Amino acid sequence: MDESSFERRARVIKAMAHPSRLQMIDALSEGERCVCELQRLVGADMSTVSKHLSLMKRAGLVADRKQGLQVFYRLKVPCILRFFDCVDAVLRNGSARARTGT
């Protein structure tokens, strides 16, 4: 794999690297959501939520559609949720090691 491939991967991972973005991705795993729902979920102002969504859209994680004045988002690649399963396994493994002192 060439260096640009690693850079593109890093861009996707960086696009998820914020608690609010992870929370939005989790909510979108259940289906399409309007921006207003995501805003209420993360408790941030609209401009902050829009910036998060824009970053995730540029990274290819989410897609949007407009319906009247509302904008709805959905996961573009739901397989990204398998990445979370892997992260959770790492966390479980780390917790087990912390308990055993290894």
C-alpha atoms as a PDB file:
ATOM      1  CA  MET A   1       0.000   0.000   0.000  1.00  0.00           C
ATOM      2  CA  ASP A   2       1.349   3.425  -0.855  1.00  0.00           C
ATOM      3  CA  GLU A   3       1.639   6.421   1.456  1.00  0.00           C
ATOM      4  CA  SER A   4      -1.400   8.206   0.007  1.00  0.00           C
ATOM      5  CA  SER A   5      -3.578   5.232   0.939  1.00  0.00           C
ATOM      6  CA  PHE A   6      -2.508   5.581   4.557  1.00  0.00           C
ATOM      7  CA  GLU A   7      -3.178   9.314   4.416  1.00  0.00           C
ATOM      8  CA  ARG A   8      -6.701   8.703   3.075  1.00  0.00           C
ATOM      9  CA  ARG A   9      -7.346   6.164   5.835  1.00  0.00           C
ATOM     10  CA  ALA A  10      -6.098   8.620   8.437  1.00  0.00           C
ATOM     11  CA  ARG A  11      -8.474  11.290   7.057  1.00  0.00           C
ATOM     12  CA  VAL A  12     -11.455   8.964   7.582  1.00  0.00           C
ATOM     13  CA  ILE A  13     -10.359   8.029  11.091  1.00  0.00           C
ATOM     14  CA  LYS A  14      -9.741  11.690  11.987  1.00  0.00           C
ATOM     15  CA  ALA A  15     -13.243  12.525  10.745  1.00  0.00           C
ATOM     16  CA  MET A  16     -14.622  10.225  13.441  1.00  0.00           C
ATOM     17  CA  ALA A  17     -12.225  11.378  16.167  1.00  0.00           C
ATOM     18  CA  HIS A  18     -14.562  13.510  18.252  1.00  0.00           C
ATOM     19  CA  PRO A  19     -17.129  12.378  20.841  1.00  0.00           C
ATOM     20  CA  SER A  20     -19.960  14.341  19.195  1.00  0.00           C
ATOM     21  CA  ARG A  21     -19.193  12.827  15.786  1.00  0.00           C
ATOM     22  CA  LEU A  22     -19.100   9.345  17.268  1.00  0.00           C
ATOM     23  CA  GLN A  23     -22.439  10.025  18.928  1.00  0.00           C
ATOM     24  CA  MET A  24     -23.936  11.202  15.624  1.00  0.00           C
ATOM     25  CA  ILE A  25     -22.595   8.156  13.771  1.00  0.00           C
ATOM     26  CA  ASP A  26     -24.125   5.930  16.435  1.00  0.00           C
ATOM     27  CA  ALA A  27     -27.495   7.681  16.051  1.00  0.00           C
ATOM     28  CA  LEU A  28     -27.297   7.392  12.261  1.00  0.00           C
ATOM     29  CA  SER A  29     -26.732   3.650  12.628  1.00  0.00           C
ATOM     30  CA  GLU A  30     -30.443   3.493  13.476  1.00  0.00           C
ATOM     31  CA  GLY A  31     -31.427   5.367  10.332  1.00  0.00           C
ATOM     32  CA  GLU A  32     -31.644   8.760   8.741  1.00  0.00           C
ATOM     33  CA  ARG A  33     -31.818  11.806  11.023  1.00  0.00           C
ATOM     34  CA  CYS A  34     -32.439  15.489  10.414  1.00  0.00           C
ATOM     35  CA  VAL A  35     -29.801  17.969  11.531  1.00  0.00           C
ATOM     36  CA  CYS A  36     -32.131  19.268  14.230  1.00  0.00           C
ATOM     37  CA  GLU A  37     -32.311  15.789  15.818  1.00  0.00           C
ATOM     38  CA  LEU A  38     -28.539  15.468  15.768  1.00  0.00           C
ATOM     39  CA  GLN A  39     -28.195  18.915  17.290  1.00  0.00           C
ATOM     40  CA  ARG A  40     -30.485  17.977  20.194  1.00  0.00           C
ATOM     41  CA  LEU A  41     -28.619  14.706  20.620  1.00  0.00           C
ATOM     42  CA  VAL A  42     -25.165  16.237  21.027  1.00  0.00           C
ATOM     43  CA  GLY A  43     -26.332  19.455  22.687  1.00  0.00           C
ATOM     44  CA  ALA A  44     -24.229  21.750  20.516  1.00  0.00           C
ATOM     45  CA  ASP A  45     -25.186  24.819  18.527  1.00  0.00           C
ATOM     46  CA  MET A  46     -26.278  24.397  14.917  1.00  0.00           C
ATOM     47  CA  SER A  47     -23.078  25.786  13.395  1.00  0.00           C
ATOM     48  CA  THR A  48     -20.926  23.318  15.356  1.00  0.00           C
ATOM     49  CA  VAL A  49     -23.112  20.367  14.350  1.00  0.00           C
ATOM     50  CA  SER A  50     -23.057  21.518  10.734  1.00  0.00           C
ATOM     51  CA  LYS A  51     -19.252  21.700  10.797  1.00  0.00           C
ATOM     52  CA  HIS A  52     -19.033  18.180  12.221  1.00  0.00           C
ATOM     53  CA  LEU A  53     -21.419  16.858   9.567  1.00  0.00           C
ATOM     54  CA  SER A  54     -19.600  18.667   6.789  1.00  0.00           C
ATOM     55  CA  LEU A  55     -16.285  17.160   7.859  1.00  0.00           C
ATOM     56  CA  MET A  56     -17.819  13.670   7.987  1.00  0.00           C
ATOM     57  CA  LYS A  57     -19.425  14.205   4.584  1.00  0.00           C
ATOM     58  CA  ARG A  58     -16.099  15.240   3.016  1.00  0.00           C
ATOM     59  CA  ALA A  59     -14.524  12.095   4.485  1.00  0.00           C
ATOM     60  CA  GLY A  60     -17.245   9.961   2.861  1.00  0.00           C
ATOM     61  CA  LEU A  61     -18.870   8.801   6.094  1.00  0.00           C
ATOM     62  CA  VAL A  62     -22.281  10.401   5.656  1.00  0.00           C
ATOM     63  CA  ALA A  63     -24.551  11.548   2.853  1.00  0.00           C
ATOM     64  CA  ASP A  64     -27.294  14.145   3.005  1.00  0.00           C
ATOM     65  CA  ARG A  65     -30.533  15.002   1.293  1.00  0.00           C
ATOM     66  CA  LYS A  66     -32.663  18.101   1.469  1.00  0.00           C
ATOM     67  CA  GLN A  67     -36.385  18.017   2.012  1.00  0.00           C
ATOM     68  CA  GLY A  68     -37.838  21.482   2.044  1.00  0.00           C
ATOM     69  CA  LEU A  69     -35.905  23.473   4.614  1.00  0.00           C
ATOM     70  CA  GLN A  70     -34.625  20.401   6.447  1.00  0.00           C
ATOM     71  CA  VAL A  71     -31.463  18.439   5.757  1.00  0.00           C
ATOM     72  CA  PHE A  72     -31.357  14.734   6.564  1.00  0.00           C
ATOM     73  CA  TYR A  73     -28.209  12.683   7.045  1.00  0.00           C
ATOM     74  CA  ARG A  74     -27.552   8.973   6.773  1.00  0.00           C
ATOM     75  CA  LEU A  75     -24.510   6.769   6.973  1.00  0.00           C
ATOM     76  CA  LYS A  76     -23.014   6.423   3.538  1.00  0.00           C
ATOM     77  CA  VAL A  77     -21.137   3.262   4.485  1.00  0.00           C
ATOM     78  CA  PRO A  78     -22.803   1.442   7.401  1.00  0.00           C
ATOM     79  CA  CYS A  79     -19.869  -0.987   7.496  1.00  0.00           C
ATOM     80  CA  ILE A  80     -18.040   1.690   9.506  1.00  0.00           C
ATOM     81  CA  LEU A  81     -19.952   0.356  12.505  1.00  0.00           C
ATOM     82  CA  ARG A  82     -17.775  -2.780  12.406  1.00  0.00           C
ATOM     83  CA  PHE A  83     -14.858  -0.483  13.193  1.00  0.00           C
ATOM     84  CA  PHE A  84     -16.623   0.437  16.439  1.00  0.00           C
ATOM     85  CA  ASP A  85     -16.907  -3.255  17.308  1.00  0.00           C
ATOM     86  CA  CYS A  86     -13.149  -3.498  16.914  1.00  0.00           C
ATOM     87  CA  VAL A  87     -12.554  -0.377  19.054  1.00  0.00           C
ATOM     88  CA  ASP A  88     -14.824  -1.819  21.757  1.00  0.00           C
ATOM     89  CA  ALA A  89     -12.826  -5.075  21.690  1.00  0.00           C
ATOM     90  CA  VAL A  90      -9.612  -3.112  22.171  1.00  0.00           C
ATOM     91  CA  LEU A  91     -11.172  -1.270  25.115  1.00  0.00           C
ATOM     92  CA  ARG A  92     -12.420  -4.501  26.688  1.00  0.00           C
ATOM     93  CA  ASN A  93      -8.997  -6.076  26.264  1.00  0.00           C
ATOM     94  CA  GLY A  94      -7.314  -3.032  27.788  1.00  0.00           C
ATOM     95  CA  SER A  95      -9.711  -3.073  30.744  1.00  0.00           C
ATOM     96  CA  ALA A  96      -9.027  -6.755  31.332  1.00  0.00           C
ATOM     97  CA  ARG A  97      -5.286  -6.124  31.306  1.00  0.00           C
ATOM     98  CA  ALA A  98      -5.654  -3.200  33.708  1.00  0.00           C
ATOM     99  CA  ARG A  99      -7.546  -5.440  36.164  1.00  0.00           C
ATOM    100  CA  THR A 100      -4.948  -8.204  35.981  1.00  0.00           C
ATOM    101  CA  GLY A 101      -1.954  -5.862  35.979  1.00  0.00           C
ATOM    102  CA  THR A 102      -0.489  -7.172  32.712  1.00  0.00           C
END
